[in-house]
N, C-alpha and C. Protein backbone atom coordinates (compact mmCIF):
# COMPACT_ATOMS: atom_id res chain seq x y z
N MET A 1 -101.04 100.26 34.72
CA MET A 1 -101.89 99.50 34.40
C MET A 1 -102.23 97.98 34.52
N HIS A 2 -101.94 97.37 35.44
CA HIS A 2 -101.98 95.74 34.61
C HIS A 2 -102.94 94.62 33.29
N PRO A 3 -102.64 93.85 32.19
CA PRO A 3 -103.26 93.29 31.49
C PRO A 3 -104.91 93.60 31.56
N PHE A 4 -104.95 93.05 33.21
CA PHE A 4 -106.69 93.19 33.09
C PHE A 4 -107.35 93.81 33.94
N SER A 5 -106.89 95.33 34.35
CA SER A 5 -107.61 96.66 34.72
C SER A 5 -109.44 96.21 34.13
N PHE A 6 -109.29 95.81 33.06
CA PHE A 6 -111.03 95.64 32.66
C PHE A 6 -111.76 95.68 33.91
N LEU A 7 -111.46 95.04 34.75
CA LEU A 7 -111.55 94.19 35.78
C LEU A 7 -111.92 94.60 36.17
N GLU A 8 -111.93 95.77 36.61
CA GLU A 8 -111.67 97.60 37.86
C GLU A 8 -113.30 97.65 37.65
N ASN A 9 -114.39 97.67 37.92
CA ASN A 9 -115.41 98.82 37.47
C ASN A 9 -115.72 99.78 38.37
N PRO A 10 -115.66 100.70 38.05
CA PRO A 10 -116.09 102.04 39.22
C PRO A 10 -117.00 102.01 39.84
N TYR A 11 -118.16 100.98 39.12
CA TYR A 11 -119.55 100.71 39.33
C TYR A 11 -119.34 99.75 40.81
N PHE A 12 -118.54 99.08 41.09
CA PHE A 12 -118.94 97.98 41.98
C PHE A 12 -117.09 98.24 42.94
N PRO A 13 -117.41 97.41 43.84
CA PRO A 13 -116.36 96.91 45.02
C PRO A 13 -114.76 96.45 43.88
N PRO A 14 -113.78 95.93 44.43
CA PRO A 14 -113.18 95.51 43.59
C PRO A 14 -113.11 94.16 43.84
N HIS A 15 -113.74 93.56 45.18
CA HIS A 15 -113.77 92.22 45.80
C HIS A 15 -114.94 91.77 45.45
N VAL A 16 -116.30 92.33 44.50
CA VAL A 16 -117.29 92.25 43.30
C VAL A 16 -116.75 91.29 42.65
N THR A 17 -115.94 92.41 41.36
CA THR A 17 -115.34 92.04 40.41
C THR A 17 -114.46 90.94 40.60
N TYR A 18 -113.88 91.14 40.70
CA TYR A 18 -113.19 90.27 41.69
C TYR A 18 -114.14 88.07 41.40
N ALA A 19 -114.76 88.59 42.61
CA ALA A 19 -115.43 87.40 42.34
C ALA A 19 -116.11 86.36 41.38
N TRP A 20 -116.66 87.80 41.00
CA TRP A 20 -117.39 86.97 39.14
C TRP A 20 -116.10 86.48 38.43
N PHE A 21 -114.73 87.30 38.69
CA PHE A 21 -114.39 86.67 37.02
C PHE A 21 -113.80 85.46 37.91
N ILE A 22 -113.87 84.74 39.04
CA ILE A 22 -112.95 84.22 39.31
C ILE A 22 -115.00 82.95 39.34
N MET A 23 -115.73 83.23 39.94
CA MET A 23 -117.30 82.20 39.06
C MET A 23 -116.70 81.94 37.92
N VAL A 24 -117.03 82.86 37.05
CA VAL A 24 -116.92 82.86 35.24
C VAL A 24 -115.97 81.86 35.23
N MET A 25 -114.61 82.29 35.31
CA MET A 25 -113.16 81.35 34.73
C MET A 25 -113.65 79.96 35.60
N LEU A 26 -114.41 79.73 37.21
CA LEU A 26 -114.17 78.59 37.13
C LEU A 26 -115.66 77.85 36.89
N ALA A 27 -116.28 78.29 35.87
CA ALA A 27 -117.39 77.90 35.46
C ALA A 27 -117.35 77.82 33.95
N LEU A 28 -116.49 78.04 33.73
CA LEU A 28 -115.80 77.90 32.10
C LEU A 28 -114.36 76.64 32.47
N LEU A 29 -113.73 76.76 32.99
CA LEU A 29 -112.97 75.64 33.62
C LEU A 29 -113.68 74.35 33.92
N SER A 30 -114.62 73.97 34.54
CA SER A 30 -115.51 72.68 34.74
C SER A 30 -116.26 71.98 33.39
N PHE A 31 -117.10 73.45 32.92
CA PHE A 31 -117.47 73.20 31.51
C PHE A 31 -116.07 72.33 30.85
N LEU A 32 -114.92 73.15 29.91
CA LEU A 32 -114.16 72.22 29.30
C LEU A 32 -113.76 71.31 30.19
N ALA A 33 -113.71 71.03 31.26
CA ALA A 33 -112.71 70.27 32.04
C ALA A 33 -114.37 68.41 31.80
N THR A 34 -115.36 68.79 31.86
CA THR A 34 -116.55 67.59 31.58
C THR A 34 -117.17 68.05 30.53
N ARG A 35 -116.95 68.84 28.94
CA ARG A 35 -116.61 68.34 27.89
C ARG A 35 -117.13 67.01 27.03
N ARG A 36 -115.97 66.39 27.35
CA ARG A 36 -115.70 65.35 26.45
C ARG A 36 -115.32 64.03 28.01
N VAL A 37 -116.31 63.72 29.20
CA VAL A 37 -115.29 63.41 29.77
C VAL A 37 -115.93 61.93 29.28
N ASP A 38 -113.92 61.25 29.85
CA ASP A 38 -113.59 59.63 29.18
C ASP A 38 -113.05 59.32 29.56
N ILE A 39 -113.53 57.78 30.09
CA ILE A 39 -112.56 57.20 30.84
C ILE A 39 -110.90 57.04 30.69
N TYR A 40 -110.22 57.02 29.67
CA TYR A 40 -108.83 58.23 30.15
C TYR A 40 -108.91 60.06 30.11
N PRO A 41 -108.85 60.19 30.97
CA PRO A 41 -109.20 61.24 31.44
C PRO A 41 -107.28 62.41 30.33
N GLY A 42 -108.31 63.17 29.70
CA GLY A 42 -107.12 64.41 29.04
C GLY A 42 -107.28 65.42 31.08
N LYS A 43 -105.56 65.70 31.15
CA LYS A 43 -105.05 66.63 31.77
C LYS A 43 -105.54 68.05 32.61
N LEU A 44 -107.33 68.16 32.22
CA LEU A 44 -107.76 69.50 33.10
C LEU A 44 -108.97 68.41 33.64
N GLN A 45 -109.60 67.62 32.85
CA GLN A 45 -109.89 66.30 33.42
C GLN A 45 -109.12 65.51 34.43
N ASN A 46 -108.42 65.38 34.79
CA ASN A 46 -107.47 64.19 35.74
C ASN A 46 -106.89 65.91 36.32
N VAL A 47 -106.89 66.60 36.49
CA VAL A 47 -107.27 67.48 37.92
C VAL A 47 -108.17 67.49 38.17
N MET A 48 -109.16 68.16 37.34
CA MET A 48 -110.12 68.62 38.15
C MET A 48 -110.71 67.37 39.10
N GLU A 49 -110.40 65.93 38.83
CA GLU A 49 -110.90 64.90 39.43
C GLU A 49 -110.20 64.76 40.61
N VAL A 50 -109.07 65.00 40.61
CA VAL A 50 -107.81 64.43 42.04
C VAL A 50 -108.78 65.91 42.62
N ILE A 51 -108.54 66.22 42.28
CA ILE A 51 -109.35 68.09 42.92
C ILE A 51 -110.65 66.95 43.71
N LEU A 52 -111.37 67.40 43.13
CA LEU A 52 -112.64 66.75 43.71
C LEU A 52 -112.76 65.93 44.43
N THR A 53 -112.27 64.61 43.86
CA THR A 53 -112.18 63.05 45.17
C THR A 53 -111.54 63.76 46.50
N THR A 54 -110.64 64.16 46.32
CA THR A 54 -110.05 64.75 47.40
C THR A 54 -110.48 65.51 47.86
N PHE A 55 -111.26 66.88 47.59
CA PHE A 55 -112.28 66.88 48.54
C PHE A 55 -113.17 65.91 49.01
N ASN A 56 -113.83 64.93 48.37
CA ASN A 56 -114.75 63.66 48.78
C ASN A 56 -114.43 63.47 50.01
N ASN A 57 -113.13 62.82 49.59
CA ASN A 57 -112.39 62.11 50.57
C ASN A 57 -112.48 62.50 52.13
N LEU A 58 -112.28 63.66 51.75
CA LEU A 58 -112.24 64.57 53.39
C LEU A 58 -113.43 64.78 54.23
N LEU A 59 -114.29 64.79 52.84
CA LEU A 59 -115.45 65.29 53.71
C LEU A 59 -116.00 63.78 54.66
N VAL A 60 -116.94 62.67 53.70
CA VAL A 60 -116.74 61.12 53.90
C VAL A 60 -115.88 61.18 55.55
N GLU A 61 -114.66 61.26 55.28
CA GLU A 61 -113.64 61.57 57.10
C GLU A 61 -114.39 62.23 57.40
N THR A 62 -114.63 63.63 57.32
CA THR A 62 -115.21 64.60 58.10
C THR A 62 -116.84 63.79 58.89
N MET A 63 -116.92 63.85 57.26
CA MET A 63 -118.79 64.30 58.25
C MET A 63 -119.28 62.51 57.66
N GLY A 64 -119.29 61.76 57.68
CA GLY A 64 -118.94 60.54 57.16
C GLY A 64 -120.16 60.18 55.66
N PRO A 65 -120.74 59.15 55.61
CA PRO A 65 -121.24 58.31 54.21
C PRO A 65 -122.72 59.35 54.45
N GLU A 66 -123.77 59.80 55.11
CA GLU A 66 -124.61 61.15 55.23
C GLU A 66 -124.48 62.64 54.89
N GLY A 67 -122.88 62.60 55.13
CA GLY A 67 -122.26 63.92 53.89
C GLY A 67 -122.42 64.28 52.50
N LYS A 68 -122.38 63.41 52.34
CA LYS A 68 -122.72 63.45 51.01
C LYS A 68 -122.86 64.08 50.29
N ARG A 69 -124.87 64.88 50.97
CA ARG A 69 -125.38 65.39 50.55
C ARG A 69 -125.43 67.21 50.18
N PHE A 70 -124.02 67.05 51.46
CA PHE A 70 -122.83 68.48 51.27
C PHE A 70 -122.11 68.48 50.39
N PHE A 71 -121.74 67.97 49.64
CA PHE A 71 -120.67 67.74 48.34
C PHE A 71 -120.08 68.66 47.49
N PRO A 72 -121.62 69.32 46.77
CA PRO A 72 -122.01 70.38 46.26
C PRO A 72 -121.66 71.63 46.74
N LEU A 73 -121.97 71.63 47.89
CA LEU A 73 -121.38 73.91 48.56
C LEU A 73 -119.84 72.99 49.07
N ILE A 74 -119.57 72.14 49.74
CA ILE A 74 -118.61 72.15 50.44
C ILE A 74 -116.85 72.26 49.46
N ALA A 75 -117.52 71.55 48.25
CA ALA A 75 -116.62 71.70 47.32
C ALA A 75 -116.59 72.46 46.04
N THR A 76 -117.84 73.53 46.10
CA THR A 76 -118.00 75.19 46.37
C THR A 76 -117.23 75.59 46.86
N LEU A 77 -117.58 75.89 47.71
CA LEU A 77 -116.28 76.82 48.83
C LEU A 77 -114.39 75.97 48.50
N GLY A 78 -114.48 74.85 48.53
CA GLY A 78 -113.16 74.68 48.55
C GLY A 78 -112.88 75.27 47.07
N LEU A 79 -113.19 75.05 45.85
CA LEU A 79 -112.94 75.77 45.10
C LEU A 79 -112.89 77.23 45.29
N TYR A 80 -113.77 77.76 45.94
CA TYR A 80 -113.97 79.56 45.31
C TYR A 80 -112.53 79.93 45.84
N ILE A 81 -112.37 79.29 47.25
CA ILE A 81 -111.67 79.39 47.73
C ILE A 81 -110.28 79.98 48.05
N LEU A 82 -109.77 78.91 47.53
CA LEU A 82 -108.45 78.60 46.88
C LEU A 82 -107.83 79.77 45.44
N THR A 83 -109.17 79.54 44.98
CA THR A 83 -108.90 79.80 43.77
C THR A 83 -108.55 81.31 44.12
N SER A 84 -109.74 82.59 44.97
CA SER A 84 -109.49 83.82 45.16
C SER A 84 -108.07 83.18 46.61
N ASN A 85 -107.89 82.85 47.05
CA ASN A 85 -106.75 83.30 47.56
C ASN A 85 -105.16 83.32 47.08
N LEU A 86 -105.07 82.33 45.51
CA LEU A 86 -104.59 81.71 45.28
C LEU A 86 -104.40 82.73 43.93
N LEU A 87 -105.36 83.86 43.21
CA LEU A 87 -105.36 85.16 42.87
C LEU A 87 -104.68 86.18 43.20
N GLY A 88 -104.26 86.56 44.40
CA GLY A 88 -104.18 87.43 46.15
C GLY A 88 -102.39 87.28 44.94
N LEU A 89 -102.16 85.83 44.38
CA LEU A 89 -99.96 86.17 44.57
C LEU A 89 -100.31 86.55 42.60
N VAL A 90 -101.18 86.77 42.36
CA VAL A 90 -100.88 87.42 41.17
C VAL A 90 -100.74 88.95 40.62
N PRO A 91 -99.36 89.71 40.24
CA PRO A 91 -99.12 90.91 40.46
C PRO A 91 -100.61 91.24 39.68
N GLY A 92 -101.08 93.12 40.16
CA GLY A 92 -102.05 93.58 39.36
C GLY A 92 -103.46 93.40 40.03
N PHE A 93 -103.58 92.30 40.89
CA PHE A 93 -104.43 91.12 41.59
C PHE A 93 -105.38 91.08 42.33
N GLU A 94 -106.74 91.66 43.27
CA GLU A 94 -106.69 91.19 43.77
C GLU A 94 -107.31 89.47 44.68
N SER A 95 -107.46 89.20 46.00
CA SER A 95 -108.22 88.46 46.30
C SER A 95 -109.61 88.44 46.93
N PRO A 96 -110.84 88.63 46.49
CA PRO A 96 -111.76 88.79 47.17
C PRO A 96 -112.63 87.84 48.76
N THR A 97 -111.50 87.09 49.01
CA THR A 97 -111.39 87.03 50.33
C THR A 97 -110.35 87.57 51.75
N SER A 98 -109.53 89.10 50.58
CA SER A 98 -109.00 89.49 51.62
C SER A 98 -109.92 90.45 51.76
N ASN A 99 -111.05 90.77 51.49
CA ASN A 99 -112.18 91.34 52.42
C ASN A 99 -113.25 90.65 52.49
N LEU A 100 -113.10 91.72 54.07
CA LEU A 100 -114.82 90.33 55.10
C LEU A 100 -115.80 90.83 54.43
N ASN A 101 -115.60 91.47 53.96
CA ASN A 101 -117.54 90.87 52.74
C ASN A 101 -118.03 89.91 52.65
N THR A 102 -116.57 89.41 51.55
CA THR A 102 -116.48 88.03 51.46
C THR A 102 -116.84 86.44 51.76
N THR A 103 -115.49 86.84 52.92
CA THR A 103 -115.44 86.63 53.78
C THR A 103 -117.09 85.51 54.76
N ILE A 104 -117.84 87.07 55.19
CA ILE A 104 -118.77 87.10 56.37
C ILE A 104 -119.57 86.74 55.37
N SER A 105 -119.80 86.48 54.29
CA SER A 105 -120.92 86.63 53.47
C SER A 105 -120.73 84.54 53.12
N MET A 106 -120.73 83.68 52.93
CA MET A 106 -119.42 82.39 52.47
C MET A 106 -119.75 82.26 54.41
N ALA A 107 -119.32 82.64 55.34
CA ALA A 107 -119.78 81.82 57.23
C ALA A 107 -121.00 82.40 57.22
N LEU A 108 -122.46 82.91 57.14
CA LEU A 108 -123.17 83.48 56.60
C LEU A 108 -123.98 82.25 56.33
N VAL A 109 -123.21 81.96 55.13
CA VAL A 109 -124.22 80.54 54.74
C VAL A 109 -124.25 79.28 55.09
N VAL A 110 -122.74 79.20 55.74
CA VAL A 110 -122.53 77.82 56.22
C VAL A 110 -123.42 77.51 57.39
N PHE A 111 -123.25 78.99 58.54
CA PHE A 111 -124.40 79.35 60.13
C PHE A 111 -125.68 78.82 59.74
N LEU A 112 -126.59 79.79 58.12
CA LEU A 112 -127.19 79.69 58.19
C LEU A 112 -127.57 78.09 57.74
N LEU A 113 -127.67 77.64 57.43
CA LEU A 113 -127.73 75.59 56.68
C LEU A 113 -127.28 74.95 57.81
N THR A 114 -126.55 74.94 58.52
CA THR A 114 -125.73 74.37 60.43
C THR A 114 -127.32 74.78 60.47
N HIS A 115 -128.34 75.65 60.83
CA HIS A 115 -129.36 75.67 61.54
C HIS A 115 -130.94 74.03 61.55
N ILE A 116 -131.06 75.43 59.48
CA ILE A 116 -131.51 73.90 59.39
C ILE A 116 -132.01 72.80 59.30
N VAL A 117 -130.25 72.68 58.47
CA VAL A 117 -130.47 71.01 58.54
C VAL A 117 -130.73 70.16 60.11
N GLY A 118 -130.54 71.34 60.90
CA GLY A 118 -130.36 70.89 62.93
C GLY A 118 -131.75 70.71 63.06
N VAL A 119 -132.18 71.88 61.61
CA VAL A 119 -133.90 71.95 63.12
C VAL A 119 -135.28 70.75 62.07
N LYS A 120 -134.78 70.33 60.38
CA LYS A 120 -135.59 69.38 59.64
C LYS A 120 -134.92 67.89 60.19
N ILE A 121 -134.02 67.86 60.05
CA ILE A 121 -133.61 65.97 60.99
C ILE A 121 -134.27 65.98 62.07
N HIS A 122 -133.92 67.14 63.17
CA HIS A 122 -134.26 67.04 65.18
C HIS A 122 -135.98 67.76 65.10
N GLY A 123 -136.33 68.91 63.91
CA GLY A 123 -136.59 69.37 64.70
C GLY A 123 -137.30 69.90 66.03
N THR A 124 -138.58 70.62 65.99
CA THR A 124 -137.93 72.01 67.36
C THR A 124 -136.57 70.89 68.82
N LYS A 125 -137.19 70.61 68.55
CA LYS A 125 -136.14 69.37 69.51
C LYS A 125 -134.25 70.05 69.76
N TYR A 126 -134.72 70.27 68.62
CA TYR A 126 -132.86 70.93 68.26
C TYR A 126 -131.67 71.93 69.20
N LEU A 127 -133.82 72.90 69.46
CA LEU A 127 -133.25 73.76 70.21
C LEU A 127 -133.19 74.44 71.63
N LYS A 128 -133.66 72.69 72.36
CA LYS A 128 -132.78 71.90 73.30
C LYS A 128 -131.78 71.69 73.61
N GLN A 129 -131.08 71.92 72.24
CA GLN A 129 -129.36 71.58 73.00
C GLN A 129 -129.08 73.72 73.60
N PHE A 130 -129.53 74.11 72.92
CA PHE A 130 -129.09 75.81 73.84
C PHE A 130 -130.07 76.41 75.24
N MET A 131 -131.33 75.31 75.92
CA MET A 131 -131.45 75.25 77.41
C MET A 131 -130.83 74.88 78.22
N GLY A 132 -129.80 73.34 77.65
CA GLY A 132 -128.89 73.04 79.32
C GLY A 132 -129.94 71.51 79.21
N PRO A 133 -128.97 70.88 80.34
CA PRO A 133 -128.99 68.96 80.15
C PRO A 133 -130.25 69.06 81.60
N VAL A 134 -130.87 70.38 81.79
CA VAL A 134 -132.12 70.45 83.18
C VAL A 134 -132.17 72.48 83.02
N TRP A 135 -133.76 72.27 83.34
CA TRP A 135 -134.80 73.34 82.82
C TRP A 135 -133.73 74.72 83.63
N TRP A 136 -133.40 74.14 85.03
CA TRP A 136 -133.44 75.72 86.05
C TRP A 136 -132.39 76.04 84.54
N LEU A 137 -130.94 75.01 84.35
CA LEU A 137 -130.59 75.76 83.75
C LEU A 137 -130.08 77.09 82.86
N THR A 138 -131.75 77.05 82.59
CA THR A 138 -131.29 77.68 80.91
C THR A 138 -131.49 79.32 81.20
N PRO A 139 -130.94 79.73 81.68
CA PRO A 139 -131.44 81.10 82.11
C PRO A 139 -129.65 81.32 81.99
N LEU A 140 -129.27 80.39 82.03
CA LEU A 140 -127.54 80.75 82.23
C LEU A 140 -126.37 79.48 80.90
N MET A 141 -127.47 78.92 80.21
CA MET A 141 -127.13 78.25 79.29
C MET A 141 -127.59 78.63 78.07
N LEU A 142 -128.65 79.29 77.81
CA LEU A 142 -129.07 80.06 76.79
C LEU A 142 -127.67 81.63 76.33
N PRO A 143 -127.93 81.99 77.19
CA PRO A 143 -127.15 83.24 76.61
C PRO A 143 -125.35 82.59 76.44
N ILE A 144 -125.11 81.67 76.94
CA ILE A 144 -123.22 81.30 76.40
C ILE A 144 -123.59 80.38 75.22
N GLU A 145 -124.93 79.89 74.93
CA GLU A 145 -124.92 78.61 73.26
C GLU A 145 -125.06 79.65 72.81
N VAL A 146 -125.91 81.01 72.74
CA VAL A 146 -126.10 82.11 72.38
C VAL A 146 -124.94 81.97 71.29
N VAL A 147 -124.68 82.99 72.14
CA VAL A 147 -123.13 83.57 72.00
C VAL A 147 -121.95 82.31 71.14
N SER A 148 -121.99 81.03 72.17
CA SER A 148 -120.90 80.39 71.66
C SER A 148 -121.55 80.73 69.90
N HIS A 149 -122.92 79.88 69.71
CA HIS A 149 -122.88 79.74 67.72
C HIS A 149 -122.46 80.85 66.81
N LEU A 150 -122.97 82.03 67.51
CA LEU A 150 -123.44 83.82 66.37
C LEU A 150 -121.75 83.90 66.86
N SER A 151 -120.80 83.21 67.64
CA SER A 151 -119.17 82.93 67.22
C SER A 151 -118.81 82.38 66.24
N ARG A 152 -119.10 81.33 65.76
CA ARG A 152 -118.70 80.71 64.83
C ARG A 152 -118.87 81.33 63.20
N PRO A 153 -120.07 81.83 62.23
CA PRO A 153 -120.15 82.54 61.48
C PRO A 153 -118.32 83.69 61.30
N VAL A 154 -118.20 84.58 63.05
CA VAL A 154 -116.97 85.61 63.11
C VAL A 154 -116.03 85.53 62.80
N SER A 155 -115.73 84.05 63.87
CA SER A 155 -114.50 82.88 63.32
C SER A 155 -114.13 82.75 62.19
N LEU A 156 -115.22 81.95 61.59
CA LEU A 156 -115.02 81.66 59.87
C LEU A 156 -114.65 82.60 59.23
N SER A 157 -115.37 83.94 59.10
CA SER A 157 -114.93 85.06 58.61
C SER A 157 -113.55 85.66 58.81
N VAL A 158 -114.02 85.84 59.70
CA VAL A 158 -112.60 86.72 60.47
C VAL A 158 -110.86 86.38 60.63
N ARG A 159 -110.71 84.87 59.90
CA ARG A 159 -109.76 84.61 60.35
C ARG A 159 -109.36 83.77 59.33
N LEU A 160 -110.22 83.45 58.48
CA LEU A 160 -109.57 83.60 56.02
C LEU A 160 -109.34 85.19 55.97
N PHE A 161 -110.24 86.22 55.56
CA PHE A 161 -109.86 87.72 56.40
C PHE A 161 -108.39 88.06 56.74
N GLY A 162 -108.47 87.95 58.26
CA GLY A 162 -107.32 88.71 58.72
C GLY A 162 -105.74 87.57 57.60
N ASN A 163 -105.44 85.98 57.37
CA ASN A 163 -104.41 85.47 56.95
C ASN A 163 -104.23 85.96 55.41
N ILE A 164 -105.46 86.06 54.34
CA ILE A 164 -105.40 86.29 53.58
C ILE A 164 -104.66 88.14 53.77
N GLU A 165 -105.35 88.88 54.57
CA GLU A 165 -105.41 90.46 53.73
C GLU A 165 -104.01 90.38 54.72
N GLY A 166 -103.81 89.65 55.60
CA GLY A 166 -102.10 90.07 56.40
C GLY A 166 -101.01 89.61 55.78
N GLY A 167 -101.80 88.31 55.25
CA GLY A 167 -100.29 87.94 53.67
C GLY A 167 -100.24 89.24 52.63
N HIS A 168 -101.10 89.33 52.43
CA HIS A 168 -100.92 90.88 51.24
C HIS A 168 -100.13 91.71 51.78
N ILE A 169 -100.55 92.24 53.29
CA ILE A 169 -99.84 93.42 53.34
C ILE A 169 -98.36 93.33 53.27
N VAL A 170 -98.19 92.17 54.28
CA VAL A 170 -96.14 91.40 54.44
C VAL A 170 -95.35 92.15 53.08
N VAL A 171 -96.36 91.23 51.92
CA VAL A 171 -95.81 90.87 51.03
C VAL A 171 -95.78 92.41 50.49
N SER A 172 -96.23 92.85 50.33
CA SER A 172 -96.66 94.83 49.93
C SER A 172 -95.56 94.97 50.13
N VAL A 173 -94.73 95.18 52.28
CA VAL A 173 -93.85 95.83 52.75
C VAL A 173 -93.05 94.88 52.10
N LEU A 174 -92.33 93.91 52.01
CA LEU A 174 -91.17 93.00 51.63
C LEU A 174 -90.64 93.22 50.27
N PHE A 175 -91.76 93.43 49.71
CA PHE A 175 -92.13 93.44 48.04
C PHE A 175 -90.97 95.28 48.11
N ILE A 176 -91.45 96.04 48.79
CA ILE A 176 -90.63 97.39 48.88
C ILE A 176 -89.02 97.50 49.63
N LEU A 177 -89.15 96.87 51.25
CA LEU A 177 -87.77 96.76 51.47
C LEU A 177 -87.29 96.06 50.78
N VAL A 178 -87.00 94.71 50.02
CA VAL A 178 -86.58 94.05 49.98
C VAL A 178 -86.73 93.56 49.22
N PRO A 179 -87.09 94.26 47.95
CA PRO A 179 -87.25 93.89 46.15
C PRO A 179 -86.29 91.75 45.85
N LEU A 180 -85.24 92.49 46.10
CA LEU A 180 -84.61 91.36 45.64
C LEU A 180 -84.28 89.50 45.95
N LEU A 181 -84.48 90.02 47.14
CA LEU A 181 -84.01 89.44 48.05
C LEU A 181 -85.16 87.98 48.55
N VAL A 182 -86.08 88.67 49.26
CA VAL A 182 -87.14 87.81 50.48
C VAL A 182 -88.52 87.49 49.27
N PRO A 183 -89.03 87.80 48.16
CA PRO A 183 -89.88 87.36 47.40
C PRO A 183 -90.51 85.81 48.28
N LEU A 184 -89.74 85.09 47.28
CA LEU A 184 -89.68 83.51 46.64
C LEU A 184 -90.00 82.96 48.50
N PRO A 185 -89.77 83.08 48.80
CA PRO A 185 -89.93 82.99 50.62
C PRO A 185 -90.93 82.79 50.40
N ILE A 186 -90.83 83.88 50.20
CA ILE A 186 -92.95 84.13 51.53
C ILE A 186 -94.37 84.33 50.27
N LEU A 187 -93.76 84.16 48.99
CA LEU A 187 -94.93 83.96 47.77
C LEU A 187 -95.02 82.79 48.62
N ILE A 188 -93.92 81.66 48.19
CA ILE A 188 -94.05 80.15 48.32
C ILE A 188 -95.17 79.75 50.74
N LEU A 189 -94.61 80.58 51.35
CA LEU A 189 -95.26 80.87 52.65
C LEU A 189 -97.03 81.14 51.98
N LYS A 190 -96.64 82.30 51.17
CA LYS A 190 -98.34 82.74 51.46
C LYS A 190 -99.19 81.27 50.60
N ILE A 191 -98.58 81.14 49.02
CA ILE A 191 -99.15 79.71 48.40
C ILE A 191 -99.68 78.66 49.29
N LEU A 192 -98.87 78.66 50.81
CA LEU A 192 -98.50 77.40 51.96
C LEU A 192 -100.52 78.13 52.84
N ILE A 193 -100.09 78.90 52.81
CA ILE A 193 -100.96 79.82 53.37
C ILE A 193 -102.91 79.57 52.78
N SER A 194 -103.14 79.93 52.04
CA SER A 194 -103.87 79.71 51.12
C SER A 194 -104.20 78.55 51.26
N PHE A 195 -103.30 77.25 50.64
CA PHE A 195 -104.18 75.86 51.02
C PHE A 195 -104.35 75.84 52.46
N ILE A 196 -103.74 76.46 53.63
CA ILE A 196 -104.59 76.42 54.74
C ILE A 196 -105.64 76.98 54.58
N GLN A 197 -105.59 77.74 54.78
CA GLN A 197 -106.39 78.82 55.48
C GLN A 197 -108.20 78.14 54.71
N THR A 198 -107.41 77.32 53.40
CA THR A 198 -109.26 76.92 53.10
C THR A 198 -108.87 75.74 53.75
N LEU A 199 -108.55 75.25 53.75
CA LEU A 199 -108.64 73.41 54.80
C LEU A 199 -109.56 73.82 56.18
N VAL A 200 -108.74 75.07 55.62
CA VAL A 200 -109.63 74.80 57.53
C VAL A 200 -110.95 74.91 57.14
N PHE A 201 -111.57 76.39 56.82
CA PHE A 201 -112.40 76.68 56.36
C PHE A 201 -113.65 75.82 55.72
N MET A 202 -113.01 74.56 54.87
CA MET A 202 -113.99 74.11 54.64
C MET A 202 -114.08 72.68 55.72
N LEU A 203 -113.44 72.48 56.29
CA LEU A 203 -113.01 71.32 58.13
C LEU A 203 -114.13 71.53 58.42
N LEU A 204 -113.88 73.54 59.31
CA LEU A 204 -115.65 73.47 60.48
C LEU A 204 -116.24 73.50 59.96
N SER A 205 -116.32 74.51 58.60
CA SER A 205 -117.76 73.85 58.14
C SER A 205 -118.60 72.79 57.92
N MET A 206 -117.58 72.16 58.21
CA MET A 206 -118.35 70.01 58.38
C MET A 206 -118.27 69.73 58.92
N MET A 207 -117.69 70.60 60.13
CA MET A 207 -117.58 70.24 61.69
C MET A 207 -118.91 70.37 62.84
N TYR A 208 -119.04 72.28 61.92
CA TYR A 208 -120.26 72.70 62.72
C TYR A 208 -121.74 71.94 62.18
N ILE A 209 -121.26 71.26 60.51
CA ILE A 209 -122.86 70.42 60.10
C ILE A 209 -122.92 69.66 60.51
N ALA A 210 -121.84 68.87 60.43
CA ALA A 210 -122.15 67.12 61.03
C ALA A 210 -122.41 67.26 62.71
N GLY A 211 -122.23 68.39 63.15
CA GLY A 211 -122.63 68.13 64.56
C GLY A 211 -124.15 68.19 64.51
N ALA A 212 -124.53 69.54 63.63
CA ALA A 212 -126.41 69.82 64.05
C ALA A 212 -127.07 68.57 63.52
N MET A 213 -125.98 67.96 62.35
CA MET A 213 -127.29 66.08 62.26
C MET A 213 -126.24 65.34 64.00
N GLU A 214 -125.29 65.16 64.29
CA GLU A 214 -125.56 63.90 65.24
C GLU A 214 -126.31 64.77 66.88
N GLU A 215 -126.67 66.43 66.90
CA GLU A 215 -127.34 66.63 67.63
C GLU A 215 -128.61 66.12 67.31
N ALA A 216 -129.24 66.43 66.04
CA ALA A 216 -130.60 65.34 66.06
C ALA A 216 -130.31 63.63 66.10
N HIS A 217 -129.19 63.11 66.33
CA HIS A 217 -129.25 61.58 66.93
C HIS A 217 -130.08 61.63 68.74
N HIS A 218 -128.83 62.67 68.63
CA HIS A 218 -129.11 62.33 70.91
C HIS A 218 -130.05 63.10 70.99
């Protein structure tokens, strides 16, 4: 039994309990980092500023200045996914992102927001992208476009879930087979995967939303 076994509630699935644990932890860190904001930041404030500045620069480069309105969503997804991925590396803990329910819920938020933004900016004309360039291609283009858009949340959720859960399985097996020789290189690889999968989820989310905004301009 690990020292944080109290997090395992018999009435809730583990991924839900750990998801709430991460949310509380991030909320507490945010409060501590902004409690005494100073022009000469302390260590915690400095770390948070570096992370959020990196997220902001990535967002502007991907979506342009108009994308800044989505910074709260993208930054929240980035912080939550990265923390969730890394939590699974701590013995006795689980990554919420290693559960498909968690990744699907985040992917659906991005999926719904993408089309809400498209309709809000472009109006009903946004739906014309599903019908093809000419009316007589609609019977062919409509199912293709619908499947293409529906595959986005599937791709987002399954990619993140598969990489994180697969990594945990590999680490567990190697710890059993060769506990003294292999763990360190594999853990380093897992940390790298955690960062890469966070970046991929953020980039794809921004590209989907930016695509809906560009559809509006066309």
